PDB file of N, CA and C in Angstrom:
ATOM      1  N   UNK A   1     -34.541   0.751  -5.120  1.00  0.00           N
ATOM      2  CA  UNK A   1     -33.462   0.853  -6.091  1.00  0.00           C
ATOM      3  C   UNK A   1     -32.146   0.587  -5.355  1.00  0.00           C
ATOM      4  N   UNK A   2     -31.358  -0.359  -5.851  1.00  0.00           N
ATOM      5  CA  UNK A   2     -30.098  -0.677  -5.175  1.00  0.00           C
ATOM      6  C   UNK A   2     -29.011   0.331  -5.549  1.00  0.00           C
ATOM      7  N   UNK A   3     -27.862   0.187  -4.917  1.00  0.00           N
ATOM      8  CA  UNK A   3     -26.758   1.140  -5.103  1.00  0.00           C
ATOM      9  C   UNK A   3     -26.305   1.197  -6.556  1.00  0.00           C
ATOM     10  N   UNK A   4     -26.231   0.046  -7.225  1.00  0.00           N
ATOM     11  CA  UNK A   4     -25.797   0.016  -8.623  1.00  0.00           C
ATOM     12  C   UNK A   4     -26.765   0.799  -9.499  1.00  0.00           C
ATOM     13  N   UNK A   5     -28.065   0.575  -9.312  1.00  0.00           N
ATOM     14  CA  UNK A   5     -29.065   1.296 -10.099  1.00  0.00           C
ATOM     15  C   UNK A   5     -29.001   2.795  -9.826  1.00  0.00           C
ATOM     16  N   UNK A   6     -28.774   3.168  -8.564  1.00  0.00           N
ATOM     17  CA  UNK A   6     -28.654   4.586  -8.220  1.00  0.00           C
ATOM     18  C   UNK A   6     -27.448   5.213  -8.909  1.00  0.00           C
ATOM     19  N   UNK A   7     -26.332   4.491  -8.916  1.00  0.00           N
ATOM     20  CA  UNK A   7     -25.122   5.003  -9.572  1.00  0.00           C
ATOM     21  C   UNK A   7     -25.342   5.169 -11.068  1.00  0.00           C
ATOM     22  N   UNK A   8     -25.967   4.193 -11.695  1.00  0.00           N
ATOM     23  CA  UNK A   8     -26.252   4.283 -13.128  1.00  0.00           C
ATOM     24  C   UNK A   8     -27.155   5.465 -13.412  1.00  0.00           C
ATOM     25  N   UNK A   9     -28.155   5.649 -12.593  1.00  0.00           N
ATOM     26  CA  UNK A   9     -29.084   6.771 -12.778  1.00  0.00           C
ATOM     27  C   UNK A   9     -28.353   8.108 -12.632  1.00  0.00           C
ATOM     28  N   UNK A  10     -27.450   8.214 -11.650  1.00  0.00           N
ATOM     29  CA  UNK A  10     -26.679   9.461 -11.477  1.00  0.00           C
ATOM     30  C   UNK A  10     -25.795   9.728 -12.697  1.00  0.00           C
ATOM     31  N   UNK A  11     -25.182   8.687 -13.223  1.00  0.00           N
ATOM     32  CA  UNK A  11     -24.328   8.856 -14.406  1.00  0.00           C
ATOM     33  C   UNK A  11     -25.162   9.302 -15.599  1.00  0.00           C
ATOM     34  N   UNK A  12     -26.329   8.686 -15.788  1.00  0.00           N
ATOM     35  CA  UNK A  12     -27.214   9.090 -16.887  1.00  0.00           C
ATOM     36  C   UNK A  12     -27.612  10.551 -16.748  1.00  0.00           C
ATOM     37  N   UNK A  13     -27.998  10.950 -15.537  1.00  0.00           N
ATOM     38  CA  UNK A  13     -28.423  12.329 -15.312  1.00  0.00           C
ATOM     39  C   UNK A  13     -27.287  13.313 -15.556  1.00  0.00           C
ATOM     40  N   UNK A  14     -26.080  12.940 -15.120  1.00  0.00           N
ATOM     41  CA  UNK A  14     -24.929  13.813 -15.339  1.00  0.00           C
ATOM     42  C   UNK A  14     -24.633  13.964 -16.825  1.00  0.00           C
ATOM     43  N   UNK A  15     -24.719  12.862 -17.555  1.00  0.00           N
ATOM     44  CA  UNK A  15     -24.469  12.915 -18.996  1.00  0.00           C
ATOM     45  C   UNK A  15     -25.522  13.765 -19.692  1.00  0.00           C
ATOM     46  N   UNK A  16     -26.780  13.617 -19.297  1.00  0.00           N
ATOM     47  CA  UNK A  16     -27.851  14.429 -19.892  1.00  0.00           C
ATOM     48  C   UNK A  16     -27.627  15.909 -19.597  1.00  0.00           C
ATOM     49  N   UNK A  17     -27.243  16.210 -18.371  1.00  0.00           N
ATOM     50  CA  UNK A  17     -27.003  17.612 -18.009  1.00  0.00           C
ATOM     51  C   UNK A  17     -25.846  18.189 -18.823  1.00  0.00           C
ATOM     52  N   UNK A  18     -24.798  17.407 -18.984  1.00  0.00           N
ATOM     53  CA  UNK A  18     -23.657  17.882 -19.772  1.00  0.00           C
ATOM     54  C   UNK A  18     -24.067  18.103 -21.219  1.00  0.00           C
ATOM     55  N   UNK A  19     -24.855  17.191 -21.772  1.00  0.00           N
ATOM     56  CA  UNK A  19     -25.309  17.334 -23.156  1.00  0.00           C
ATOM     57  C   UNK A  19     -26.175  18.578 -23.302  1.00  0.00           C
ATOM     58  N   UNK A  20     -27.043  18.809 -22.339  1.00  0.00           N
ATOM     59  CA  UNK A  20     -27.891  20.002 -22.394  1.00  0.00           C
ATOM     60  C   UNK A  20     -27.056  21.269 -22.278  1.00  0.00           C
ATOM     61  N   UNK A  21     -26.059  21.242 -21.418  1.00  0.00           N
ATOM     62  CA  UNK A  21     -25.191  22.404 -21.247  1.00  0.00           C
ATOM     63  C   UNK A  21     -24.506  22.775 -22.555  1.00  0.00           C
ATOM     64  N   UNK A  22     -24.127  21.775 -23.292  1.00  0.00           N
ATOM     65  CA  UNK A  22     -23.422  22.021 -24.551  1.00  0.00           C
ATOM     66  C   UNK A  22     -24.352  22.065 -25.749  1.00  0.00           C
ATOM     67  N   UNK A  23     -25.638  21.986 -25.517  1.00  0.00           N
ATOM     68  CA  UNK A  23     -26.580  22.020 -26.626  1.00  0.00           C
ATOM     69  C   UNK A  23     -26.507  20.767 -27.473  1.00  0.00           C
ATOM     70  N   UNK A  24     -26.056  19.659 -26.898  1.00  0.00           N
ATOM     71  CA  UNK A  24     -25.923  18.357 -27.548  1.00  0.00           C
ATOM     72  C   UNK A  24     -25.105  18.403 -28.836  1.00  0.00           C
ATOM     73  N   UNK A  25     -24.221  19.376 -28.933  1.00  0.00           N
ATOM     74  CA  UNK A  25     -23.387  19.448 -30.130  1.00  0.00           C
ATOM     75  C   UNK A  25     -22.035  18.836 -29.850  1.00  0.00           C
ATOM     76  N   UNK A  26     -21.416  18.321 -30.870  1.00  0.00           N
ATOM     77  CA  UNK A  26     -20.058  17.814 -30.737  1.00  0.00           C
ATOM     78  C   UNK A  26     -19.092  18.978 -30.610  1.00  0.00           C
ATOM     79  N   UNK A  27     -18.047  18.744 -29.858  1.00  0.00           N
ATOM     80  CA  UNK A  27     -17.005  19.753 -29.703  1.00  0.00           C
ATOM     81  C   UNK A  27     -15.721  19.171 -30.265  1.00  0.00           C
ATOM     82  N   UNK A  28     -15.329  19.617 -31.404  1.00  0.00           N
ATOM     83  CA  UNK A  28     -14.009  19.271 -31.919  1.00  0.00           C
ATOM     84  C   UNK A  28     -13.706  20.193 -33.081  1.00  0.00           C
ATOM     85  N   UNK A  29     -12.442  20.525 -33.260  1.00  0.00           N
ATOM     86  CA  UNK A  29     -12.068  21.392 -34.371  1.00  0.00           C
ATOM     87  C   UNK A  29     -12.480  20.771 -35.705  1.00  0.00           C
ATOM     88  N   UNK A  30     -12.742  21.596 -36.666  1.00  0.00           N
ATOM     89  CA  UNK A  30     -13.214  21.132 -37.977  1.00  0.00           C
ATOM     90  C   UNK A  30     -12.078  20.709 -38.900  1.00  0.00           C
ATOM     91  N   UNK A  31     -10.896  20.549 -38.365  1.00  0.00           N
ATOM     92  CA  UNK A  31      -9.760  20.113 -39.164  1.00  0.00           C
ATOM     93  C   UNK A  31      -9.677  18.588 -39.125  1.00  0.00           C
ATOM     94  N   UNK A  32      -8.562  18.048 -39.498  1.00  0.00           N
ATOM     95  CA  UNK A  32      -8.343  16.600 -39.509  1.00  0.00           C
ATOM     96  C   UNK A  32      -8.658  15.995 -38.139  1.00  0.00           C
ATOM     97  N   UNK A  33      -9.642  15.075 -38.093  1.00  0.00           N
ATOM     98  CA  UNK A  33     -10.079  14.500 -36.830  1.00  0.00           C
ATOM     99  C   UNK A  33      -8.962  13.838 -36.053  1.00  0.00           C
ATOM    100  N   UNK A  34      -8.074  13.152 -36.736  1.00  0.00           N
ATOM    101  CA  UNK A  34      -7.043  12.400 -36.034  1.00  0.00           C
ATOM    102  C   UNK A  34      -5.978  13.297 -35.422  1.00  0.00           C
ATOM    103  N   UNK A  35      -5.774  14.479 -35.972  1.00  0.00           N
ATOM    104  CA  UNK A  35      -4.707  15.328 -35.459  1.00  0.00           C
ATOM    105  C   UNK A  35      -5.219  16.513 -34.641  1.00  0.00           C
ATOM    106  N   UNK A  36      -6.510  16.745 -34.605  1.00  0.00           N
ATOM    107  CA  UNK A  36      -7.039  17.863 -33.846  1.00  0.00           C
ATOM    108  C   UNK A  36      -7.387  17.425 -32.428  1.00  0.00           C
ATOM    109  N   UNK A  37      -7.467  18.406 -31.532  1.00  0.00           N
ATOM    110  CA  UNK A  37      -7.750  18.101 -30.141  1.00  0.00           C
ATOM    111  C   UNK A  37      -8.808  19.052 -29.593  1.00  0.00           C
ATOM    112  N   UNK A  38      -9.535  18.568 -28.587  1.00  0.00           N
ATOM    113  CA  UNK A  38     -10.531  19.382 -27.900  1.00  0.00           C
ATOM    114  C   UNK A  38      -9.811  20.167 -26.811  1.00  0.00           C
ATOM    115  N   UNK A  39     -10.117  21.444 -26.692  1.00  0.00           N
ATOM    116  CA  UNK A  39      -9.478  22.302 -25.697  1.00  0.00           C
ATOM    117  C   UNK A  39      -9.887  21.886 -24.286  1.00  0.00           C
ATOM    118  N   UNK A  40      -8.964  22.021 -23.349  1.00  0.00           N
ATOM    119  CA  UNK A  40      -9.213  21.628 -21.960  1.00  0.00           C
ATOM    120  C   UNK A  40     -10.416  22.360 -21.381  1.00  0.00           C
ATOM    121  N   UNK A  41     -10.599  23.635 -21.726  1.00  0.00           N
ATOM    122  CA  UNK A  41     -11.749  24.374 -21.187  1.00  0.00           C
ATOM    123  C   UNK A  41     -13.073  23.774 -21.661  1.00  0.00           C
ATOM    124  N   UNK A  42     -13.113  23.249 -22.878  1.00  0.00           N
ATOM    125  CA  UNK A  42     -14.322  22.595 -23.373  1.00  0.00           C
ATOM    126  C   UNK A  42     -14.564  21.268 -22.658  1.00  0.00           C
ATOM    127  N   UNK A  43     -13.487  20.545 -22.389  1.00  0.00           N
ATOM    128  CA  UNK A  43     -13.617  19.286 -21.647  1.00  0.00           C
ATOM    129  C   UNK A  43     -14.120  19.577 -20.236  1.00  0.00           C
ATOM    130  N   UNK A  44     -13.550  20.586 -19.593  1.00  0.00           N
ATOM    131  CA  UNK A  44     -13.985  20.955 -18.243  1.00  0.00           C
ATOM    132  C   UNK A  44     -15.473  21.286 -18.209  1.00  0.00           C
ATOM    133  N   UNK A  45     -15.950  22.031 -19.207  1.00  0.00           N
ATOM    134  CA  UNK A  45     -17.375  22.372 -19.264  1.00  0.00           C
ATOM    135  C   UNK A  45     -18.227  21.126 -19.465  1.00  0.00           C
ATOM    136  N   UNK A  46     -17.752  20.223 -20.309  1.00  0.00           N
ATOM    137  CA  UNK A  46     -18.492  19.001 -20.601  1.00  0.00           C
ATOM    138  C   UNK A  46     -18.639  18.126 -19.367  1.00  0.00           C
ATOM    139  N   UNK A  47     -17.568  17.943 -18.614  1.00  0.00           N
ATOM    140  CA  UNK A  47     -17.604  16.993 -17.493  1.00  0.00           C
ATOM    141  C   UNK A  47     -17.953  17.653 -16.156  1.00  0.00           C
ATOM    142  N   UNK A  48     -18.289  18.927 -16.167  1.00  0.00           N
ATOM    143  CA  UNK A  48     -18.580  19.660 -14.933  1.00  0.00           C
ATOM    144  C   UNK A  48     -19.586  18.933 -14.041  1.00  0.00           C
ATOM    145  N   UNK A  49     -20.622  18.368 -14.621  1.00  0.00           N
ATOM    146  CA  UNK A  49     -21.668  17.701 -13.852  1.00  0.00           C
ATOM    147  C   UNK A  49     -21.468  16.187 -13.740  1.00  0.00           C
ATOM    148  N   UNK A  50     -20.396  15.657 -14.305  1.00  0.00           N
ATOM    149  CA  UNK A  50     -20.139  14.219 -14.223  1.00  0.00           C
ATOM    150  C   UNK A  50     -19.717  13.861 -12.806  1.00  0.00           C
ATOM    151  N   UNK A  51     -19.974  12.624 -12.372  1.00  0.00           N
ATOM    152  CA  UNK A  51     -19.539  12.189 -11.033  1.00  0.00           C
ATOM    153  C   UNK A  51     -18.015  12.284 -10.898  1.00  0.00           C
ATOM    154  N   UNK A  52     -17.554  12.483  -9.655  1.00  0.00           N
ATOM    155  CA  UNK A  52     -16.140  12.671  -9.373  1.00  0.00           C
ATOM    156  C   UNK A  52     -15.242  11.572  -9.891  1.00  0.00           C
ATOM    157  N   UNK A  53     -15.686  10.320  -9.780  1.00  0.00           N
ATOM    158  CA  UNK A  53     -14.859   9.202 -10.237  1.00  0.00           C
ATOM    159  C   UNK A  53     -14.632   9.272 -11.746  1.00  0.00           C
ATOM    160  N   UNK A  54     -15.665   9.631 -12.505  1.00  0.00           N
ATOM    161  CA  UNK A  54     -15.501   9.755 -13.956  1.00  0.00           C
ATOM    162  C   UNK A  54     -14.569  10.912 -14.305  1.00  0.00           C
ATOM    163  N   UNK A  55     -14.678  12.012 -13.568  1.00  0.00           N
ATOM    164  CA  UNK A  55     -13.775  13.141 -13.795  1.00  0.00           C
ATOM    165  C   UNK A  55     -12.325  12.713 -13.574  1.00  0.00           C
ATOM    166  N   UNK A  56     -12.098  11.919 -12.529  1.00  0.00           N
ATOM    167  CA  UNK A  56     -10.742  11.455 -12.229  1.00  0.00           C
ATOM    168  C   UNK A  56     -10.205  10.572 -13.348  1.00  0.00           C
ATOM    169  N   UNK A  57     -11.054   9.714 -13.890  1.00  0.00           N
ATOM    170  CA  UNK A  57     -10.635   8.840 -14.990  1.00  0.00           C
ATOM    171  C   UNK A  57     -10.271   9.681 -16.209  1.00  0.00           C
ATOM    172  N   UNK A  58     -11.117  10.646 -16.549  1.00  0.00           N
ATOM    173  CA  UNK A  58     -10.832  11.519 -17.695  1.00  0.00           C
ATOM    174  C   UNK A  58      -9.512  12.259 -17.471  1.00  0.00           C
ATOM    175  N   UNK A  59      -9.298  12.751 -16.251  1.00  0.00           N
ATOM    176  CA  UNK A  59      -8.041  13.437 -15.941  1.00  0.00           C
ATOM    177  C   UNK A  59      -6.836  12.541 -16.156  1.00  0.00           C
ATOM    178  N   UNK A  60      -6.940  11.298 -15.719  1.00  0.00           N
ATOM    179  CA  UNK A  60      -5.845  10.335 -15.911  1.00  0.00           C
ATOM    180  C   UNK A  60      -5.612  10.046 -17.385  1.00  0.00           C
ATOM    181  N   UNK A  61      -6.697   9.905 -18.135  1.00  0.00           N
ATOM    182  CA  UNK A  61      -6.577   9.630 -19.571  1.00  0.00           C
ATOM    183  C   UNK A  61      -5.909  10.801 -20.288  1.00  0.00           C
ATOM    184  N   UNK A  62      -6.299  12.020 -19.935  1.00  0.00           N
ATOM    185  CA  UNK A  62      -5.704  13.201 -20.565  1.00  0.00           C
ATOM    186  C   UNK A  62      -4.226  13.299 -20.202  1.00  0.00           C
ATOM    187  N   UNK A  63      -3.904  12.996 -18.952  1.00  0.00           N
ATOM    188  CA  UNK A  63      -2.504  13.030 -18.522  1.00  0.00           C
ATOM    189  C   UNK A  63      -1.660  12.034 -19.319  1.00  0.00           C
ATOM    190  N   UNK A  64      -2.224  10.856 -19.573  1.00  0.00           N
ATOM    191  CA  UNK A  64      -1.474   9.817 -20.270  1.00  0.00           C
ATOM    192  C   UNK A  64      -1.476   9.999 -21.781  1.00  0.00           C
ATOM    193  N   UNK A  65      -2.640  10.361 -22.378  1.00  0.00           N
ATOM    194  CA  UNK A  65      -2.780  10.367 -23.835  1.00  0.00           C
ATOM    195  C   UNK A  65      -2.948  11.756 -24.452  1.00  0.00           C
ATOM    196  N   UNK A  66      -2.984  12.799 -23.626  1.00  0.00           N
ATOM    197  CA  UNK A  66      -3.174  14.146 -24.144  1.00  0.00           C
ATOM    198  C   UNK A  66      -4.652  14.454 -24.320  1.00  0.00           C
ATOM    199  N   UNK A  67      -4.923  15.647 -24.810  1.00  0.00           N
ATOM    200  CA  UNK A  67      -6.313  16.058 -24.994  1.00  0.00           C
ATOM    201  C   UNK A  67      -6.987  15.184 -26.044  1.00  0.00           C
ATOM    202  N   UNK A  68      -8.282  14.896 -25.855  1.00  0.00           N
ATOM    203  CA  UNK A  68      -8.991  14.017 -26.788  1.00  0.00           C
ATOM    204  C   UNK A  68      -9.246  14.703 -28.125  1.00  0.00           C
ATOM    205  N   UNK A  69      -9.617  13.886 -29.116  1.00  0.00           N
ATOM    206  CA  UNK A  69      -9.930  14.402 -30.442  1.00  0.00           C
ATOM    207  C   UNK A  69     -11.391  14.792 -30.592  1.00  0.00           C
ATOM    208  N   UNK A  70     -12.268  14.203 -29.778  1.00  0.00           N
ATOM    209  CA  UNK A  70     -13.698  14.515 -29.822  1.00  0.00           C
ATOM    210  C   UNK A  70     -14.273  14.471 -28.419  1.00  0.00           C
ATOM    211  N   UNK A  71     -15.342  15.238 -28.228  1.00  0.00           N
ATOM    212  CA  UNK A  71     -16.072  15.191 -26.968  1.00  0.00           C
ATOM    213  C   UNK A  71     -17.514  15.569 -27.245  1.00  0.00           C
ATOM    214  N   UNK A  72     -18.438  14.868 -26.612  1.00  0.00           N
ATOM    215  CA  UNK A  72     -19.848  15.209 -26.701  1.00  0.00           C
ATOM    216  C   UNK A  72     -20.502  14.851 -25.371  1.00  0.00           C
ATOM    217  N   UNK A  73     -21.806  14.933 -25.275  1.00  0.00           N
ATOM    218  CA  UNK A  73     -22.514  14.778 -24.013  1.00  0.00           C
ATOM    219  C   UNK A  73     -22.207  13.536 -23.225  1.00  0.00           C
ATOM    220  N   UNK A  74     -21.957  12.415 -23.876  1.00  0.00           N
ATOM    221  CA  UNK A  74     -21.781  11.174 -23.121  1.00  0.00           C
ATOM    222  C   UNK A  74     -20.487  10.431 -23.432  1.00  0.00           C
ATOM    223  N   UNK A  75     -19.570  11.043 -24.158  1.00  0.00           N
ATOM    224  CA  UNK A  75     -18.311  10.343 -24.430  1.00  0.00           C
ATOM    225  C   UNK A  75     -17.206  11.325 -24.813  1.00  0.00           C
ATOM    226  N   UNK A  76     -15.993  10.847 -24.585  1.00  0.00           N
ATOM    227  CA  UNK A  76     -14.792  11.562 -24.973  1.00  0.00           C
ATOM    228  C   UNK A  76     -13.942  10.555 -25.731  1.00  0.00           C
ATOM    229  N   UNK A  77     -13.399  10.949 -26.893  1.00  0.00           N
ATOM    230  CA  UNK A  77     -12.748   9.996 -27.780  1.00  0.00           C
ATOM    231  C   UNK A  77     -11.356  10.456 -28.179  1.00  0.00           C
ATOM    232  N   UNK A  78     -10.426   9.510 -28.153  1.00  0.00           N
ATOM    233  CA  UNK A  78      -9.078   9.711 -28.672  1.00  0.00           C
ATOM    234  C   UNK A  78      -8.918   8.830 -29.897  1.00  0.00           C
ATOM    235  N   UNK A  79      -8.174   9.300 -30.899  1.00  0.00           N
ATOM    236  CA  UNK A  79      -7.878   8.516 -32.090  1.00  0.00           C
ATOM    237  C   UNK A  79      -6.372   8.317 -32.206  1.00  0.00           C
ATOM    238  N   UNK A  80      -5.973   7.116 -32.494  1.00  0.00           N
ATOM    239  CA  UNK A  80      -4.574   6.788 -32.798  1.00  0.00           C
ATOM    240  C   UNK A  80      -3.598   7.267 -31.732  1.00  0.00           C
ATOM    241  N   UNK A  81      -3.944   7.086 -30.470  1.00  0.00           N
ATOM    242  CA  UNK A  81      -3.059   7.466 -29.373  1.00  0.00           C
ATOM    243  C   UNK A  81      -2.447   6.219 -28.750  1.00  0.00           C
ATOM    244  N   UNK A  82      -1.891   5.355 -29.579  1.00  0.00           N
ATOM    245  CA  UNK A  82      -1.313   4.092 -29.118  1.00  0.00           C
ATOM    246  C   UNK A  82      -0.092   4.373 -28.258  1.00  0.00           C
ATOM    247  N   UNK A  83       0.364   3.451 -27.461  1.00  0.00           N
ATOM    248  CA  UNK A  83      -0.170   2.092 -27.349  1.00  0.00           C
ATOM    249  C   UNK A  83      -1.293   2.022 -26.317  1.00  0.00           C
ATOM    250  N   UNK A  84      -2.421   1.493 -26.718  1.00  0.00           N
ATOM    251  CA  UNK A  84      -3.525   1.191 -25.812  1.00  0.00           C
ATOM    252  C   UNK A  84      -3.302  -0.214 -25.293  1.00  0.00           C
ATOM    253  N   UNK A  85      -3.812  -0.521 -24.143  1.00  0.00           N
ATOM    254  CA  UNK A  85      -3.672  -1.867 -23.598  1.00  0.00           C
ATOM    255  C   UNK A  85      -5.023  -2.548 -23.585  1.00  0.00           C
ATOM    256  N   UNK A  86      -5.055  -3.786 -24.055  1.00  0.00           N
ATOM    257  CA  UNK A  86      -6.270  -4.594 -24.043  1.00  0.00           C
ATOM    258  C   UNK A  86      -5.916  -5.959 -23.497  1.00  0.00           C
ATOM    259  N   UNK A  87      -6.578  -6.393 -22.458  1.00  0.00           N
ATOM    260  CA  UNK A  87      -6.322  -7.699 -21.856  1.00  0.00           C
ATOM    261  C   UNK A  87      -4.836  -7.922 -21.556  1.00  0.00           C
ATOM    262  N   UNK A  88      -4.181  -6.871 -21.097  1.00  0.00           N
ATOM    263  CA  UNK A  88      -2.780  -7.008 -20.725  1.00  0.00           C
ATOM    264  C   UNK A  88      -1.797  -6.947 -21.873  1.00  0.00           C
ATOM    265  N   UNK A  89      -2.278  -6.725 -23.092  1.00  0.00           N
ATOM    266  CA  UNK A  89      -1.405  -6.682 -24.267  1.00  0.00           C
ATOM    267  C   UNK A  89      -1.486  -5.310 -24.910  1.00  0.00           C
ATOM    268  N   UNK A  90      -0.358  -4.779 -25.317  1.00  0.00           N
ATOM    269  CA  UNK A  90      -0.360  -3.509 -26.052  1.00  0.00           C
ATOM    270  C   UNK A  90      -0.893  -3.741 -27.451  1.00  0.00           C
ATOM    271  N   UNK A  91      -1.580  -2.728 -27.976  1.00  0.00           N
ATOM    272  CA  UNK A  91      -2.101  -2.819 -29.341  1.00  0.00           C
ATOM    273  C   UNK A  91      -1.314  -1.919 -30.250  1.00  0.00           C
TER     274      UNK A  91
END
């Protein structure tokens, strides 16, 4: 197994562990999805087993865009937190 395959496998395992830790349930307030946010303590619990590089990316995203609107075992989502950049252009 090469380094890339090993890294992918570690990421998969970390995501599975995080999902199991949270009981594979979504974490987000039951209010308006676009205006609600996931608490930092819930994000910390979710990404506890994620690789360090992914944790750093999430930290940077939270610093720039604030707390996300949704979080689950394998993803963290922000809604309407423009301006996002795509291919060097703001959206």
